[in-house]
Protein backbone atom coordinates (compact mmCIF):
# COMPACT_ATOMS: atom_id res chain seq x y z
CA MET A 1 30.45 -25.77 -14.74
CA ASN A 2 30.34 -27.54 -11.40
CA TYR A 3 28.31 -26.86 -8.35
CA THR A 4 29.43 -27.66 -4.78
CA SER A 5 27.33 -27.56 -1.89
CA THR A 6 27.69 -24.75 0.69
CA ARG A 7 27.93 -27.61 3.56
CA GLY A 8 30.31 -29.94 1.56
CA THR A 9 32.96 -30.36 -0.95
CA VAL A 10 31.46 -32.75 -3.37
CA ALA A 11 30.88 -31.30 -6.87
CA VAL A 12 28.16 -31.95 -9.24
CA ASN A 13 27.34 -30.81 -12.58
CA GLU A 14 24.83 -28.09 -13.50
CA THR A 15 22.23 -30.56 -14.52
CA TYR A 16 22.26 -32.29 -11.45
CA ALA A 17 22.06 -29.25 -9.25
CA LEU A 18 19.23 -27.79 -11.09
CA LEU A 19 17.19 -31.10 -10.96
CA HIS A 20 17.91 -31.79 -7.31
CA GLY A 21 17.89 -28.19 -5.97
CA LEU A 22 19.43 -29.05 -2.60
CA ALA A 23 22.43 -30.98 -1.87
CA GLU A 24 22.13 -34.17 -0.03
CA ASP A 25 23.63 -32.73 3.00
CA GLY A 26 21.07 -30.00 3.05
CA GLY A 27 23.32 -27.50 1.56
CA LEU A 28 22.57 -25.11 -1.56
CA TYR A 29 24.48 -25.61 -4.61
CA VAL A 30 26.75 -22.78 -5.78
CA PRO A 31 29.17 -22.64 -8.51
CA SER A 32 32.40 -24.03 -7.72
CA LEU A 33 33.91 -21.19 -9.53
CA PHE A 34 32.05 -17.97 -10.17
CA PRO A 35 32.66 -16.46 -13.67
CA THR A 36 34.48 -13.31 -13.78
CA ASN A 37 34.76 -10.35 -16.42
CA CYS A 38 31.90 -12.15 -18.35
CA LEU A 39 29.40 -9.21 -18.11
CA THR A 40 29.39 -5.63 -18.07
CA TYR A 41 27.05 -2.54 -17.60
CA ASN A 42 26.83 -2.05 -21.22
CA ASP A 43 25.69 -5.70 -21.96
CA VAL A 44 22.74 -4.87 -19.87
CA LYS A 45 21.94 -1.34 -19.59
CA ASP A 46 19.15 -1.29 -22.26
CA LYS A 47 17.74 -4.75 -21.54
CA ASN A 48 14.41 -5.45 -19.82
CA TYR A 49 14.50 -7.78 -16.56
CA GLN A 50 13.71 -10.93 -18.66
CA GLU A 51 16.67 -10.35 -21.01
CA VAL A 52 19.15 -9.50 -18.08
CA ALA A 53 18.02 -12.72 -16.17
CA ALA A 54 18.58 -14.75 -19.61
CA ILE A 55 22.23 -13.29 -19.88
CA VAL A 56 23.16 -13.86 -16.28
CA LEU A 57 21.83 -17.40 -16.09
CA SER A 58 23.52 -18.32 -19.34
CA LYS A 59 26.69 -17.45 -17.72
CA LEU A 60 25.87 -19.57 -14.46
CA PHE A 61 24.21 -22.61 -16.41
CA PRO A 62 26.13 -22.80 -19.81
CA CYS A 63 24.12 -25.89 -20.61
CA PHE A 64 21.24 -23.22 -21.69
CA SER A 65 21.84 -20.74 -24.45
CA GLU A 66 20.90 -17.16 -23.81
CA ALA A 67 18.43 -17.66 -26.90
CA HIS A 68 16.73 -20.64 -25.08
CA LEU A 69 16.51 -18.94 -21.87
CA ASN A 70 14.81 -16.09 -23.41
CA GLU A 71 12.26 -18.30 -24.85
CA MET A 72 11.25 -19.45 -21.35
């Protein structure tokens, strides 16, 4: 998944965005395209905060598996 600065148009990969935090132009990195229809209420209704966070983050950062994020 690629990320783009809120102030620019240059796309970077998810690893670069995570490691650098802010774009060189001072903008925030946001997904170039947000995943759609990848999560339903039933997916999270019986989960605790940590489990929901792992599910959401695994959708935004596919380089990390949901299982890996649950271990963090």
